[in-house]
């Protein structure tokens, strides 16, 4: 049985790390380790084997725990050339190019055969937001990537690289104040311990994430104020507004 264990970084950047594990075999793979200590403690407590480390990109807060985990468990850091990792007979992690936040950013699909169950999105896609392009990124590439991810099935669960959900929802509300799905999401988030992660699907994201909702008339009216531009440039404008919000 494949499970996902979430680790919160307890830092100002509010990082998430993930351990994907097979309860049957005891094999596990860590994604974007920030703080190695709770990961080490959990692996030892559950008598797991760390089979490999996966990084969505090379920013320091996503690779910070790599060397310690390699030293303790003698496990490899798996590169993009790996393409996929077999978790059990019919489930896998698939590497997917997702440039934008950085040029070499990858995400990971958790798949059962061809069916995508989950998306480990790193700093490409967040709950109700997308990544910035400050550290070597390209906003036009991010637009293309976001459009591709938006086409995944509604049932796909999102596992982002950071807990930015509250601020992102407040920004979304400023863009689309009449969207009652954002009000409901804000109620849920304010009552939840978001450090434990949110079991949100892409279907929920499509209701509240302004970067998925470029065809919303309300967003277009509020952001463009009569200006006529295409969705690509609306995305770029939204990202710029979020940078300074």
C-alpha atoms as a PDB file:
ATOM      1  CA  UNK A   1       0.000   0.000   0.000  1.00  0.00           C
ATOM      2  CA  UNK A   2       1.479   3.341  -1.072  1.00  0.00           C
ATOM      3  CA  UNK A   3       1.181   6.214   1.412  1.00  0.00           C
ATOM      4  CA  UNK A   4       2.405   9.813   1.610  1.00  0.00           C
ATOM      5  CA  UNK A   5       3.805  11.226   4.863  1.00  0.00           C
ATOM      6  CA  UNK A   6       4.001  15.033   5.080  1.00  0.00           C
ATOM      7  CA  UNK A   7       6.756  16.880   6.948  1.00  0.00           C
ATOM      8  CA  UNK A   8       6.493  20.609   7.665  1.00  0.00           C
ATOM      9  CA  UNK A   9       9.773  22.513   7.787  1.00  0.00           C
ATOM     10  CA  UNK A  10       8.913  24.881  10.691  1.00  0.00           C
ATOM     11  CA  UNK A  11      10.795  27.711   8.972  1.00  0.00           C
ATOM     12  CA  UNK A  12       9.880  31.131   7.640  1.00  0.00           C
ATOM     13  CA  UNK A  13       9.512  29.697   4.137  1.00  0.00           C
ATOM     14  CA  UNK A  14       6.951  27.141   5.384  1.00  0.00           C
ATOM     15  CA  UNK A  15       8.454  24.231   3.420  1.00  0.00           C
ATOM     16  CA  UNK A  16       6.804  20.888   2.892  1.00  0.00           C
ATOM     17  CA  UNK A  17       8.789  17.680   2.393  1.00  0.00           C
ATOM     18  CA  UNK A  18       7.169  14.363   1.494  1.00  0.00           C
ATOM     19  CA  UNK A  19       7.988  10.722   2.099  1.00  0.00           C
ATOM     20  CA  UNK A  20       6.339   8.334  -0.355  1.00  0.00           C
ATOM     21  CA  UNK A  21       6.382   4.852   1.138  1.00  0.00           C
ATOM     22  CA  UNK A  22       5.302   1.317   0.395  1.00  0.00           C
ATOM     23  CA  UNK A  23       3.948  -0.227   3.592  1.00  0.00           C
ATOM     24  CA  UNK A  24       4.316  -3.715   2.133  1.00  0.00           C
ATOM     25  CA  UNK A  25       8.013  -3.602   1.217  1.00  0.00           C
ATOM     26  CA  UNK A  26       9.191  -0.815   3.528  1.00  0.00           C
ATOM     27  CA  UNK A  27      10.794   1.084   0.654  1.00  0.00           C
ATOM     28  CA  UNK A  28      10.471   4.872   0.698  1.00  0.00           C
ATOM     29  CA  UNK A  29      11.486   7.922  -1.330  1.00  0.00           C
ATOM     30  CA  UNK A  30      11.788  11.480  -0.004  1.00  0.00           C
ATOM     31  CA  UNK A  31      10.854  14.568  -2.015  1.00  0.00           C
ATOM     32  CA  UNK A  32      12.519  17.941  -1.306  1.00  0.00           C
ATOM     33  CA  UNK A  33      13.930  17.231   2.168  1.00  0.00           C
ATOM     34  CA  UNK A  34      14.277  20.434   4.183  1.00  0.00           C
ATOM     35  CA  UNK A  35      14.942  19.172   7.724  1.00  0.00           C
ATOM     36  CA  UNK A  36      16.392  15.671   7.778  1.00  0.00           C
ATOM     37  CA  UNK A  37      15.867  14.973  11.507  1.00  0.00           C
ATOM     38  CA  UNK A  38      12.110  14.222  11.573  1.00  0.00           C
ATOM     39  CA  UNK A  39      12.484  12.270   8.334  1.00  0.00           C
ATOM     40  CA  UNK A  40      15.302  10.163   9.793  1.00  0.00           C
ATOM     41  CA  UNK A  41      13.348   9.605  13.007  1.00  0.00           C
ATOM     42  CA  UNK A  42      10.245   8.494  11.093  1.00  0.00           C
ATOM     43  CA  UNK A  43      12.155   6.145   8.765  1.00  0.00           C
ATOM     44  CA  UNK A  44      13.876   4.476  11.719  1.00  0.00           C
ATOM     45  CA  UNK A  45      10.698   4.286  13.799  1.00  0.00           C
ATOM     46  CA  UNK A  46       8.781   2.632  10.945  1.00  0.00           C
ATOM     47  CA  UNK A  47      11.735   0.407   9.954  1.00  0.00           C
ATOM     48  CA  UNK A  48      11.716   1.767   6.405  1.00  0.00           C
ATOM     49  CA  UNK A  49      14.438   1.763   3.760  1.00  0.00           C
ATOM     50  CA  UNK A  50      15.192   5.088   2.085  1.00  0.00           C
ATOM     51  CA  UNK A  51      15.608   4.105  -1.560  1.00  0.00           C
ATOM     52  CA  UNK A  52      16.223   7.559  -2.991  1.00  0.00           C
ATOM     53  CA  UNK A  53      15.945  11.357  -2.810  1.00  0.00           C
ATOM     54  CA  UNK A  54      14.022  13.419  -5.351  1.00  0.00           C
ATOM     55  CA  UNK A  55      14.345  17.187  -5.745  1.00  0.00           C
ATOM     56  CA  UNK A  56      11.975  19.364  -7.743  1.00  0.00           C
ATOM     57  CA  UNK A  57      14.713  21.989  -8.171  1.00  0.00           C
ATOM     58  CA  UNK A  58      18.010  23.074  -6.695  1.00  0.00           C
ATOM     59  CA  UNK A  59      17.025  26.015  -4.484  1.00  0.00           C
ATOM     60  CA  UNK A  60      18.677  25.486  -1.112  1.00  0.00           C
ATOM     61  CA  UNK A  61      15.472  24.949   0.874  1.00  0.00           C
ATOM     62  CA  UNK A  62      14.524  21.999  -1.353  1.00  0.00           C
ATOM     63  CA  UNK A  63      17.875  20.201  -1.133  1.00  0.00           C
ATOM     64  CA  UNK A  64      18.936  21.195   2.403  1.00  0.00           C
ATOM     65  CA  UNK A  65      18.534  17.674   3.825  1.00  0.00           C
ATOM     66  CA  UNK A  66      20.096  15.790   0.919  1.00  0.00           C
ATOM     67  CA  UNK A  67      23.649  15.315   2.177  1.00  0.00           C
ATOM     68  CA  UNK A  68      22.643  14.226   5.692  1.00  0.00           C
ATOM     69  CA  UNK A  69      20.158  11.671   4.363  1.00  0.00           C
ATOM     70  CA  UNK A  70      22.725  10.350   1.882  1.00  0.00           C
ATOM     71  CA  UNK A  71      25.274  10.009   4.659  1.00  0.00           C
ATOM     72  CA  UNK A  72      22.897   8.203   7.028  1.00  0.00           C
ATOM     73  CA  UNK A  73      21.124   5.914   4.546  1.00  0.00           C
ATOM     74  CA  UNK A  74      23.663   5.646   1.699  1.00  0.00           C
ATOM     75  CA  UNK A  75      20.926   6.416  -0.834  1.00  0.00           C
ATOM     76  CA  UNK A  76      21.157   8.163  -4.224  1.00  0.00           C
ATOM     77  CA  UNK A  77      19.786  11.509  -5.330  1.00  0.00           C
ATOM     78  CA  UNK A  78      17.726  10.555  -8.361  1.00  0.00           C
ATOM     79  CA  UNK A  79      18.094  12.748 -11.433  1.00  0.00           C
ATOM     80  CA  UNK A  80      15.690  13.725 -14.209  1.00  0.00           C
ATOM     81  CA  UNK A  81      17.228  10.982 -16.346  1.00  0.00           C
ATOM     82  CA  UNK A  82      15.605   8.424 -14.053  1.00  0.00           C
ATOM     83  CA  UNK A  83      12.299   9.307 -15.777  1.00  0.00           C
ATOM     84  CA  UNK A  84      10.233   7.170 -13.400  1.00  0.00           C
ATOM     85  CA  UNK A  85      10.448   5.180 -10.181  1.00  0.00           C
ATOM     86  CA  UNK A  86       8.446   1.992  -9.726  1.00  0.00           C
ATOM     87  CA  UNK A  87       6.767   2.049  -6.315  1.00  0.00           C
ATOM     88  CA  UNK A  88       5.017  -1.321  -6.547  1.00  0.00           C
ATOM     89  CA  UNK A  89       3.565  -3.516  -9.296  1.00  0.00           C
ATOM     90  CA  UNK A  90       1.309  -0.819 -10.766  1.00  0.00           C
ATOM     91  CA  UNK A  91       2.169   2.482  -9.091  1.00  0.00           C
ATOM     92  CA  UNK A  92       5.031   4.797  -9.958  1.00  0.00           C
ATOM     93  CA  UNK A  93       6.477   8.280  -9.598  1.00  0.00           C
ATOM     94  CA  UNK A  94       6.987   9.919 -12.977  1.00  0.00           C
ATOM     95  CA  UNK A  95       9.325  12.891 -13.568  1.00  0.00           C
ATOM     96  CA  UNK A  96       7.677  15.758 -15.480  1.00  0.00           C
ATOM     97  CA  UNK A  97       9.394  18.911 -16.766  1.00  0.00           C
ATOM     98  CA  UNK A  98       7.703  21.995 -15.267  1.00  0.00           C
ATOM     99  CA  UNK A  99       9.880  25.033 -16.083  1.00  0.00           C
ATOM    100  CA  UNK A 100       8.925  28.501 -14.890  1.00  0.00           C
ATOM    101  CA  UNK A 101       9.954  28.945 -11.262  1.00  0.00           C
ATOM    102  CA  UNK A 102      13.373  27.764 -12.463  1.00  0.00           C
ATOM    103  CA  UNK A 103      14.394  26.586 -15.911  1.00  0.00           C
ATOM    104  CA  UNK A 104      15.178  23.054 -14.689  1.00  0.00           C
ATOM    105  CA  UNK A 105      12.184  22.586 -12.370  1.00  0.00           C
ATOM    106  CA  UNK A 106      10.501  19.187 -12.405  1.00  0.00           C
ATOM    107  CA  UNK A 107       7.352  17.934 -10.748  1.00  0.00           C
ATOM    108  CA  UNK A 108       6.423  14.362  -9.902  1.00  0.00           C
ATOM    109  CA  UNK A 109       3.238  12.548 -10.875  1.00  0.00           C
ATOM    110  CA  UNK A 110       2.153   9.768  -8.532  1.00  0.00           C
ATOM    111  CA  UNK A 111       0.535   7.381 -10.984  1.00  0.00           C
ATOM    112  CA  UNK A 112      -1.345   4.094 -10.928  1.00  0.00           C
ATOM    113  CA  UNK A 113      -0.767   2.784 -14.452  1.00  0.00           C
ATOM    114  CA  UNK A 114      -1.683   5.841 -16.586  1.00  0.00           C
ATOM    115  CA  UNK A 115      -3.986   7.352 -13.946  1.00  0.00           C
ATOM    116  CA  UNK A 116      -2.453  10.330 -12.089  1.00  0.00           C
ATOM    117  CA  UNK A 117      -3.321  10.187  -8.367  1.00  0.00           C
ATOM    118  CA  UNK A 118      -1.182  13.030  -7.038  1.00  0.00           C
ATOM    119  CA  UNK A 119       1.030  15.918  -8.124  1.00  0.00           C
ATOM    120  CA  UNK A 120       4.152  16.844  -6.144  1.00  0.00           C
ATOM    121  CA  UNK A 121       4.473  20.313  -7.607  1.00  0.00           C
ATOM    122  CA  UNK A 122       7.434  21.849  -5.757  1.00  0.00           C
ATOM    123  CA  UNK A 123       7.414  25.602  -6.373  1.00  0.00           C
ATOM    124  CA  UNK A 124       5.458  25.463  -9.629  1.00  0.00           C
ATOM    125  CA  UNK A 125       1.929  25.239  -8.242  1.00  0.00           C
ATOM    126  CA  UNK A 126       0.700  26.068  -4.749  1.00  0.00           C
ATOM    127  CA  UNK A 127      -2.697  25.962  -3.116  1.00  0.00           C
ATOM    128  CA  UNK A 128      -4.422  28.928  -4.791  1.00  0.00           C
ATOM    129  CA  UNK A 129      -1.237  30.195  -6.391  1.00  0.00           C
ATOM    130  CA  UNK A 130       1.834  29.580  -8.523  1.00  0.00           C
ATOM    131  CA  UNK A 131       5.541  30.044  -7.907  1.00  0.00           C
ATOM    132  CA  UNK A 132       7.468  33.257  -8.397  1.00  0.00           C
ATOM    133  CA  UNK A 133      10.183  33.690 -11.021  1.00  0.00           C
ATOM    134  CA  UNK A 134      12.756  35.585  -8.950  1.00  0.00           C
ATOM    135  CA  UNK A 135      15.503  32.958  -8.755  1.00  0.00           C
ATOM    136  CA  UNK A 136      16.245  32.140 -12.365  1.00  0.00           C
ATOM    137  CA  UNK A 137      12.695  31.650 -13.601  1.00  0.00           C
ATOM    138  CA  UNK A 138      10.670  32.705 -16.608  1.00  0.00           C
ATOM    139  CA  UNK A 139       7.057  33.812 -16.278  1.00  0.00           C
ATOM    140  CA  UNK A 140       6.101  32.859 -19.831  1.00  0.00           C
ATOM    141  CA  UNK A 141       7.397  29.322 -19.256  1.00  0.00           C
ATOM    142  CA  UNK A 142       5.433  29.279 -15.986  1.00  0.00           C
ATOM    143  CA  UNK A 143       2.278  30.207 -17.905  1.00  0.00           C
ATOM    144  CA  UNK A 144       2.775  27.287 -20.308  1.00  0.00           C
ATOM    145  CA  UNK A 145       3.478  24.884 -17.451  1.00  0.00           C
ATOM    146  CA  UNK A 146       0.454  26.044 -15.457  1.00  0.00           C
ATOM    147  CA  UNK A 147      -1.777  25.558 -18.487  1.00  0.00           C
ATOM    148  CA  UNK A 148      -0.564  21.960 -18.839  1.00  0.00           C
ATOM    149  CA  UNK A 149      -1.097  21.148 -15.168  1.00  0.00           C
ATOM    150  CA  UNK A 150      -4.586  22.670 -15.309  1.00  0.00           C
ATOM    151  CA  UNK A 151      -5.540  19.927 -17.750  1.00  0.00           C
ATOM    152  CA  UNK A 152      -4.944  17.156 -15.207  1.00  0.00           C
ATOM    153  CA  UNK A 153      -8.069  15.477 -13.849  1.00  0.00           C
ATOM    154  CA  UNK A 154      -9.998  17.180 -11.047  1.00  0.00           C
ATOM    155  CA  UNK A 155      -9.419  14.231  -8.667  1.00  0.00           C
ATOM    156  CA  UNK A 156      -5.603  14.644  -8.669  1.00  0.00           C
ATOM    157  CA  UNK A 157      -4.345  15.576  -5.184  1.00  0.00           C
ATOM    158  CA  UNK A 158      -1.933  18.503  -4.920  1.00  0.00           C
ATOM    159  CA  UNK A 159       1.217  18.268  -2.786  1.00  0.00           C
ATOM    160  CA  UNK A 160       2.905  21.717  -3.013  1.00  0.00           C
ATOM    161  CA  UNK A 161       6.374  22.741  -1.857  1.00  0.00           C
ATOM    162  CA  UNK A 162       5.206  25.367   0.656  1.00  0.00           C
ATOM    163  CA  UNK A 163       2.260  26.287   2.852  1.00  0.00           C
ATOM    164  CA  UNK A 164       1.287  29.640   1.350  1.00  0.00           C
ATOM    165  CA  UNK A 165      -2.407  28.886   1.189  1.00  0.00           C
ATOM    166  CA  UNK A 166      -3.821  31.642   3.425  1.00  0.00           C
ATOM    167  CA  UNK A 167      -1.978  34.518   1.750  1.00  0.00           C
ATOM    168  CA  UNK A 168      -2.692  33.056  -1.682  1.00  0.00           C
ATOM    169  CA  UNK A 169      -6.416  32.806  -0.934  1.00  0.00           C
ATOM    170  CA  UNK A 170      -6.496  36.399   0.310  1.00  0.00           C
ATOM    171  CA  UNK A 171      -4.844  37.492  -2.940  1.00  0.00           C
ATOM    172  CA  UNK A 172      -7.369  35.401  -4.894  1.00  0.00           C
ATOM    173  CA  UNK A 173     -10.177  37.098  -2.971  1.00  0.00           C
ATOM    174  CA  UNK A 174      -8.809  40.515  -3.939  1.00  0.00           C
ATOM    175  CA  UNK A 175      -8.914  39.445  -7.602  1.00  0.00           C
ATOM    176  CA  UNK A 176     -12.315  37.765  -7.512  1.00  0.00           C
ATOM    177  CA  UNK A 177     -14.277  39.069  -4.479  1.00  0.00           C
ATOM    178  CA  UNK A 178     -17.611  37.565  -5.561  1.00  0.00           C
ATOM    179  CA  UNK A 179     -16.244  34.020  -5.782  1.00  0.00           C
ATOM    180  CA  UNK A 180     -17.990  32.175  -2.929  1.00  0.00           C
ATOM    181  CA  UNK A 181     -15.697  29.141  -3.347  1.00  0.00           C
ATOM    182  CA  UNK A 182     -12.842  31.340  -2.092  1.00  0.00           C
ATOM    183  CA  UNK A 183     -14.913  32.318   0.973  1.00  0.00           C
ATOM    184  CA  UNK A 184     -15.506  28.651   1.742  1.00  0.00           C
ATOM    185  CA  UNK A 185     -11.831  27.817   1.240  1.00  0.00           C
ATOM    186  CA  UNK A 186     -10.848  30.623   3.619  1.00  0.00           C
ATOM    187  CA  UNK A 187     -13.211  29.241   6.262  1.00  0.00           C
ATOM    188  CA  UNK A 188     -11.662  25.794   5.915  1.00  0.00           C
ATOM    189  CA  UNK A 189      -8.098  27.092   6.044  1.00  0.00           C
ATOM    190  CA  UNK A 190      -8.670  29.300   9.078  1.00  0.00           C
ATOM    191  CA  UNK A 191     -10.062  26.285  10.975  1.00  0.00           C
ATOM    192  CA  UNK A 192      -7.351  23.881   9.802  1.00  0.00           C
ATOM    193  CA  UNK A 193      -3.783  23.146  10.840  1.00  0.00           C
ATOM    194  CA  UNK A 194      -2.317  23.856   7.422  1.00  0.00           C
ATOM    195  CA  UNK A 195       1.134  22.749   8.600  1.00  0.00           C
ATOM    196  CA  UNK A 196      -0.225  19.200   8.333  1.00  0.00           C
ATOM    197  CA  UNK A 197      -1.020  19.763   4.664  1.00  0.00           C
ATOM    198  CA  UNK A 198      -4.394  20.070   2.966  1.00  0.00           C
ATOM    199  CA  UNK A 199      -5.959  17.204   1.029  1.00  0.00           C
ATOM    200  CA  UNK A 200      -6.994  19.477  -1.825  1.00  0.00           C
ATOM    201  CA  UNK A 201      -7.599  18.297  -5.347  1.00  0.00           C
ATOM    202  CA  UNK A 202      -6.951  20.112  -8.598  1.00  0.00           C
ATOM    203  CA  UNK A 203     -10.743  20.293  -8.938  1.00  0.00           C
ATOM    204  CA  UNK A 204     -10.792  22.487  -5.832  1.00  0.00           C
ATOM    205  CA  UNK A 205      -7.874  24.525  -7.191  1.00  0.00           C
ATOM    206  CA  UNK A 206      -9.806  25.229 -10.376  1.00  0.00           C
ATOM    207  CA  UNK A 207     -12.480  26.932  -8.250  1.00  0.00           C
ATOM    208  CA  UNK A 208     -10.161  29.241  -6.274  1.00  0.00           C
ATOM    209  CA  UNK A 209      -6.751  29.615  -7.948  1.00  0.00           C
ATOM    210  CA  UNK A 210      -6.718  32.838 -10.005  1.00  0.00           C
ATOM    211  CA  UNK A 211      -3.909  31.479 -12.202  1.00  0.00           C
ATOM    212  CA  UNK A 212      -6.271  28.669 -13.229  1.00  0.00           C
ATOM    213  CA  UNK A 213      -9.174  31.098 -13.699  1.00  0.00           C
ATOM    214  CA  UNK A 214      -7.946  33.471 -16.387  1.00  0.00           C
ATOM    215  CA  UNK A 215     -11.306  33.218 -18.182  1.00  0.00           C
ATOM    216  CA  UNK A 216     -13.175  34.601 -15.151  1.00  0.00           C
ATOM    217  CA  UNK A 217     -14.948  37.784 -16.196  1.00  0.00           C
ATOM    218  CA  UNK A 218     -14.614  39.157 -12.680  1.00  0.00           C
ATOM    219  CA  UNK A 219     -10.837  38.660 -12.653  1.00  0.00           C
ATOM    220  CA  UNK A 220     -10.557  40.210 -16.101  1.00  0.00           C
ATOM    221  CA  UNK A 221     -12.616  43.243 -15.060  1.00  0.00           C
ATOM    222  CA  UNK A 222     -10.803  43.761 -11.753  1.00  0.00           C
ATOM    223  CA  UNK A 223      -7.274  43.247 -13.072  1.00  0.00           C
ATOM    224  CA  UNK A 224      -7.476  44.631 -16.601  1.00  0.00           C
ATOM    225  CA  UNK A 225      -9.857  47.551 -15.926  1.00  0.00           C
ATOM    226  CA  UNK A 226     -10.917  47.759 -19.561  1.00  0.00           C
ATOM    227  CA  UNK A 227      -7.550  46.848 -21.057  1.00  0.00           C
ATOM    228  CA  UNK A 228      -7.709  44.171 -23.763  1.00  0.00           C
ATOM    229  CA  UNK A 229      -4.980  41.522 -23.516  1.00  0.00           C
ATOM    230  CA  UNK A 230      -4.837  37.757 -23.970  1.00  0.00           C
ATOM    231  CA  UNK A 231      -4.757  35.169 -21.177  1.00  0.00           C
ATOM    232  CA  UNK A 232      -0.967  34.823 -21.347  1.00  0.00           C
ATOM    233  CA  UNK A 233      -0.493  38.507 -20.554  1.00  0.00           C
ATOM    234  CA  UNK A 234      -3.229  38.410 -17.922  1.00  0.00           C
ATOM    235  CA  UNK A 235      -1.271  35.595 -16.220  1.00  0.00           C
ATOM    236  CA  UNK A 236       1.912  37.705 -16.374  1.00  0.00           C
ATOM    237  CA  UNK A 237       0.059  40.688 -14.910  1.00  0.00           C
ATOM    238  CA  UNK A 238      -1.398  38.550 -12.102  1.00  0.00           C
ATOM    239  CA  UNK A 239       2.038  37.155 -11.262  1.00  0.00           C
ATOM    240  CA  UNK A 240       3.474  40.673 -11.117  1.00  0.00           C
ATOM    241  CA  UNK A 241       0.654  41.824  -8.823  1.00  0.00           C
ATOM    242  CA  UNK A 242       1.204  38.834  -6.531  1.00  0.00           C
ATOM    243  CA  UNK A 243       4.935  39.622  -6.367  1.00  0.00           C
ATOM    244  CA  UNK A 244       4.143  42.971  -4.781  1.00  0.00           C
ATOM    245  CA  UNK A 245       1.051  42.022  -2.787  1.00  0.00           C
END
